[in-house]
C-alpha atoms as a PDB file:
ATOM      1  CA  UNK A   1      53.360 -95.975-173.167  1.00  0.00           C
ATOM      2  CA  UNK A   2      49.901 -94.438-173.025  1.00  0.00           C
ATOM      3  CA  UNK A   3      46.864 -96.406-171.902  1.00  0.00           C
ATOM      4  CA  UNK A   4      43.677 -95.377-173.705  1.00  0.00           C
ATOM      5  CA  UNK A   5      40.812 -94.296-171.477  1.00  0.00           C
ATOM      6  CA  UNK A   6      37.467 -94.641-173.235  1.00  0.00           C
ATOM      7  CA  UNK A   7      34.627 -92.459-172.055  1.00  0.00           C
ATOM      8  CA  UNK A   8      31.196 -92.298-173.709  1.00  0.00           C
ATOM      9  CA  UNK A   9      28.900 -89.612-172.305  1.00  0.00           C
ATOM     10  CA  UNK A  10      25.379 -90.025-173.637  1.00  0.00           C
ATOM     11  CA  UNK A  11      22.532 -87.504-173.721  1.00  0.00           C
ATOM     12  CA  UNK A  12      24.633 -84.462-172.830  1.00  0.00           C
ATOM     13  CA  UNK A  13      21.659 -82.132-173.401  1.00  0.00           C
ATOM     14  CA  UNK A  14      19.423 -84.041-171.009  1.00  0.00           C
ATOM     15  CA  UNK A  15      22.089 -84.613-168.348  1.00  0.00           C
ATOM     16  CA  UNK A  16      23.244 -80.990-168.406  1.00  0.00           C
ATOM     17  CA  UNK A  17      19.710 -79.865-167.543  1.00  0.00           C
ATOM     18  CA  UNK A  18      19.514 -82.111-164.452  1.00  0.00           C
ATOM     19  CA  UNK A  19      20.472 -80.973-160.955  1.00  0.00           C
ATOM     20  CA  UNK A  20      24.207 -80.343-160.848  1.00  0.00           C
ATOM     21  CA  UNK A  21      24.243 -80.462-164.647  1.00  0.00           C
ATOM     22  CA  UNK A  22      27.507 -79.789-166.383  1.00  0.00           C
ATOM     23  CA  UNK A  23      29.584 -79.675-163.201  1.00  0.00           C
ATOM     24  CA  UNK A  24      28.406 -83.176-162.266  1.00  0.00           C
ATOM     25  CA  UNK A  25      29.033 -84.428-165.816  1.00  0.00           C
ATOM     26  CA  UNK A  26      32.550 -82.947-165.776  1.00  0.00           C
ATOM     27  CA  UNK A  27      33.301 -84.619-162.439  1.00  0.00           C
ATOM     28  CA  UNK A  28      32.046 -87.946-163.790  1.00  0.00           C
ATOM     29  CA  UNK A  29      34.144 -87.541-166.945  1.00  0.00           C
ATOM     30  CA  UNK A  30      37.320 -86.634-165.022  1.00  0.00           C
ATOM     31  CA  UNK A  31      36.732 -89.455-162.529  1.00  0.00           C
ATOM     32  CA  UNK A  32      36.680 -91.933-165.413  1.00  0.00           C
ATOM     33  CA  UNK A  33      39.691 -90.454-167.196  1.00  0.00           C
ATOM     34  CA  UNK A  34      41.789 -90.158-164.036  1.00  0.00           C
ATOM     35  CA  UNK A  35      40.450 -93.433-162.626  1.00  0.00           C
ATOM     36  CA  UNK A  36      39.630 -91.736-159.340  1.00  0.00           C
ATOM     37  CA  UNK A  37      36.211 -92.261-157.760  1.00  0.00           C
ATOM     38  CA  UNK A  38      34.104 -89.365-156.481  1.00  0.00           C
ATOM     39  CA  UNK A  39      36.337 -86.619-157.852  1.00  0.00           C
ATOM     40  CA  UNK A  40      35.018 -83.170-156.894  1.00  0.00           C
ATOM     41  CA  UNK A  41      35.949 -79.929-158.648  1.00  0.00           C
ATOM     42  CA  UNK A  42      34.120 -76.837-157.497  1.00  0.00           C
ATOM     43  CA  UNK A  43      35.740 -74.382-159.918  1.00  0.00           C
ATOM     44  CA  UNK A  44      34.157 -73.278-163.197  1.00  0.00           C
ATOM     45  CA  UNK A  45      37.113 -74.676-165.147  1.00  0.00           C
ATOM     46  CA  UNK A  46      39.109 -77.915-165.024  1.00  0.00           C
ATOM     47  CA  UNK A  47      40.666 -77.106-161.728  1.00  0.00           C
ATOM     48  CA  UNK A  48      44.102 -77.475-160.267  1.00  0.00           C
ATOM     49  CA  UNK A  49      47.428 -77.691-162.011  1.00  0.00           C
ATOM     50  CA  UNK A  50      47.759 -81.191-160.569  1.00  0.00           C
ATOM     51  CA  UNK A  51      44.649 -82.397-162.422  1.00  0.00           C
ATOM     52  CA  UNK A  52      45.807 -80.728-165.650  1.00  0.00           C
ATOM     53  CA  UNK A  53      49.213 -82.374-165.314  1.00  0.00           C
ATOM     54  CA  UNK A  54      47.640 -85.819-164.806  1.00  0.00           C
ATOM     55  CA  UNK A  55      45.293 -85.344-167.771  1.00  0.00           C
ATOM     56  CA  UNK A  56      48.164 -84.317-170.024  1.00  0.00           C
ATOM     57  CA  UNK A  57      49.530 -87.859-169.686  1.00  0.00           C
ATOM     58  CA  UNK A  58      46.233 -89.596-170.506  1.00  0.00           C
ATOM     59  CA  UNK A  59      45.333 -90.788-173.974  1.00  0.00           C
ATOM     60  CA  UNK A  60      41.555 -90.624-174.286  1.00  0.00           C
ATOM     61  CA  UNK A  61      38.857 -91.598-176.706  1.00  0.00           C
ATOM     62  CA  UNK A  62      35.860 -89.566-175.632  1.00  0.00           C
ATOM     63  CA  UNK A  63      32.423 -89.322-177.200  1.00  0.00           C
ATOM     64  CA  UNK A  64      30.096 -86.505-176.175  1.00  0.00           C
ATOM     65  CA  UNK A  65      26.731 -87.572-177.535  1.00  0.00           C
ATOM     66  CA  UNK A  66      23.843 -85.188-178.246  1.00  0.00           C
ATOM     67  CA  UNK A  67      25.384 -81.767-177.594  1.00  0.00           C
ATOM     68  CA  UNK A  68      23.442 -78.578-178.359  1.00  0.00           C
ATOM     69  CA  UNK A  69      25.599 -75.846-176.825  1.00  0.00           C
ATOM     70  CA  UNK A  70      29.273 -74.893-177.120  1.00  0.00           C
ATOM     71  CA  UNK A  71      29.338 -74.342-173.336  1.00  0.00           C
ATOM     72  CA  UNK A  72      28.676 -78.050-172.796  1.00  0.00           C
ATOM     73  CA  UNK A  73      31.815 -79.014-174.722  1.00  0.00           C
ATOM     74  CA  UNK A  74      33.929 -76.257-173.179  1.00  0.00           C
ATOM     75  CA  UNK A  75      32.910 -77.240-169.650  1.00  0.00           C
ATOM     76  CA  UNK A  76      33.607 -80.934-170.180  1.00  0.00           C
ATOM     77  CA  UNK A  77      36.709 -80.809-172.364  1.00  0.00           C
ATOM     78  CA  UNK A  78      37.952 -77.214-172.067  1.00  0.00           C
ATOM     79  CA  UNK A  79      40.702 -77.689-174.694  1.00  0.00           C
ATOM     80  CA  UNK A  80      41.191 -80.669-176.984  1.00  0.00           C
ATOM     81  CA  UNK A  81      44.982 -80.413-176.742  1.00  0.00           C
ATOM     82  CA  UNK A  82      45.080 -80.845-172.970  1.00  0.00           C
ATOM     83  CA  UNK A  83      45.038 -84.659-173.248  1.00  0.00           C
ATOM     84  CA  UNK A  84      47.861 -86.997-174.221  1.00  0.00           C
ATOM     85  CA  UNK A  85      49.106 -87.479-177.776  1.00  0.00           C
ATOM     86  CA  UNK A  86      46.763 -89.506-179.973  1.00  0.00           C
ATOM     87  CA  UNK A  87      43.659 -88.566-177.979  1.00  0.00           C
ATOM     88  CA  UNK A  88      40.393 -88.176-179.869  1.00  0.00           C
ATOM     89  CA  UNK A  89      37.266 -86.282-178.878  1.00  0.00           C
ATOM     90  CA  UNK A  90      34.103 -87.031-180.862  1.00  0.00           C
ATOM     91  CA  UNK A  91      31.080 -84.770-180.516  1.00  0.00           C
ATOM     92  CA  UNK A  92      27.649 -85.621-181.896  1.00  0.00           C
ATOM     93  CA  UNK A  93      25.107 -82.882-182.453  1.00  0.00           C
ATOM     94  CA  UNK A  94      22.173 -82.073-184.660  1.00  0.00           C
ATOM     95  CA  UNK A  95      23.294 -78.421-184.563  1.00  0.00           C
ATOM     96  CA  UNK A  96      25.986 -77.851-187.193  1.00  0.00           C
ATOM     97  CA  UNK A  97      26.814 -74.417-185.721  1.00  0.00           C
ATOM     98  CA  UNK A  98      27.846 -75.993-182.418  1.00  0.00           C
ATOM     99  CA  UNK A  99      30.167 -78.339-184.295  1.00  0.00           C
ATOM    100  CA  UNK A 100      31.679 -75.472-186.304  1.00  0.00           C
ATOM    101  CA  UNK A 101      32.633 -73.779-183.029  1.00  0.00           C
ATOM    102  CA  UNK A 102      34.255 -76.801-181.354  1.00  0.00           C
ATOM    103  CA  UNK A 103      35.441 -79.230-184.029  1.00  0.00           C
ATOM    104  CA  UNK A 104      38.534 -79.413-186.214  1.00  0.00           C
ATOM    105  CA  UNK A 105      36.629 -81.543-188.732  1.00  0.00           C
ATOM    106  CA  UNK A 106      32.932 -82.250-189.265  1.00  0.00           C
ATOM    107  CA  UNK A 107      31.597 -85.504-190.646  1.00  0.00           C
ATOM    108  CA  UNK A 108      27.953 -85.698-191.595  1.00  0.00           C
ATOM    109  CA  UNK A 109      26.392 -89.086-190.978  1.00  0.00           C
ATOM    110  CA  UNK A 110      23.292 -90.067-192.876  1.00  0.00           C
ATOM    111  CA  UNK A 111      20.365 -91.467-190.951  1.00  0.00           C
ATOM    112  CA  UNK A 112      20.038 -95.235-191.187  1.00  0.00           C
ATOM    113  CA  UNK A 113      17.018 -96.679-192.911  1.00  0.00           C
ATOM    114  CA  UNK A 114      14.999 -99.362-191.131  1.00  0.00           C
ATOM    115  CA  UNK A 115      16.847-102.254-192.796  1.00  0.00           C
ATOM    116  CA  UNK A 116      20.284-100.847-191.885  1.00  0.00           C
ATOM    117  CA  UNK A 117      19.168-100.231-188.300  1.00  0.00           C
ATOM    118  CA  UNK A 118      17.833-103.776-188.031  1.00  0.00           C
ATOM    119  CA  UNK A 119      21.108-105.178-189.351  1.00  0.00           C
ATOM    120  CA  UNK A 120      23.177-103.292-186.751  1.00  0.00           C
ATOM    121  CA  UNK A 121      20.757-104.373-184.020  1.00  0.00           C
ATOM    122  CA  UNK A 122      21.044-107.986-185.182  1.00  0.00           C
ATOM    123  CA  UNK A 123      24.861-107.883-185.256  1.00  0.00           C
ATOM    124  CA  UNK A 124      25.026-106.348-181.773  1.00  0.00           C
ATOM    125  CA  UNK A 125      22.681-108.962-180.326  1.00  0.00           C
ATOM    126  CA  UNK A 126      24.747-111.767-181.827  1.00  0.00           C
ATOM    127  CA  UNK A 127      27.899-110.457-180.084  1.00  0.00           C
ATOM    128  CA  UNK A 128      26.326-110.609-176.625  1.00  0.00           C
ATOM    129  CA  UNK A 129      26.227-114.145-175.240  1.00  0.00           C
ATOM    130  CA  UNK A 130      23.171-113.467-173.069  1.00  0.00           C
ATOM    131  CA  UNK A 131      21.132-111.837-175.844  1.00  0.00           C
ATOM    132  CA  UNK A 132      19.990-115.107-177.408  1.00  0.00           C
ATOM    133  CA  UNK A 133      18.559-116.233-174.087  1.00  0.00           C
ATOM    134  CA  UNK A 134      16.815-112.929-173.374  1.00  0.00           C
ATOM    135  CA  UNK A 135      15.407-112.178-176.798  1.00  0.00           C
ATOM    136  CA  UNK A 136      15.176-115.556-178.489  1.00  0.00           C
ATOM    137  CA  UNK A 137      16.282-116.224-182.044  1.00  0.00           C
ATOM    138  CA  UNK A 138      16.136-113.301-184.467  1.00  0.00           C
ATOM    139  CA  UNK A 139      16.062-113.791-188.200  1.00  0.00           C
ATOM    140  CA  UNK A 140      18.285-111.315-189.985  1.00  0.00           C
ATOM    141  CA  UNK A 141      15.435-110.468-192.333  1.00  0.00           C
ATOM    142  CA  UNK A 142      12.991-109.728-189.504  1.00  0.00           C
ATOM    143  CA  UNK A 143      11.624-106.206-189.241  1.00  0.00           C
ATOM    144  CA  UNK A 144      12.079-104.609-185.829  1.00  0.00           C
ATOM    145  CA  UNK A 145      10.826-101.150-186.808  1.00  0.00           C
END
């Protein structure tokens, strides 16, 4: 039976431009998926056969948020079929061309209007037990924008 490893990598553009960039992001991603702290891979690709073999048995749900270059996806994921059966890789980008080069399917999501955004914010706050204490009561009709 496969255990699902969930990995959400935010702001890929920004993080890839920092010191260590994509290599550091890839190490962080693989550390989470393989549940091994401080994993280091100094090669331009995924690395050893041992790592590939371990990944092949992992079912992952991965989100790469805010991607603007195919290289970012290729460095982090390499191939979508290298993970266990049922794995899903979601990539968000404002650049449709990037998605065409890396995705099997593209779904366009419409921007939320202020009311829809407020509703989601309200629902999320209600699910967190500490949020009522930190933010006080919020009326669903209140405007946060």
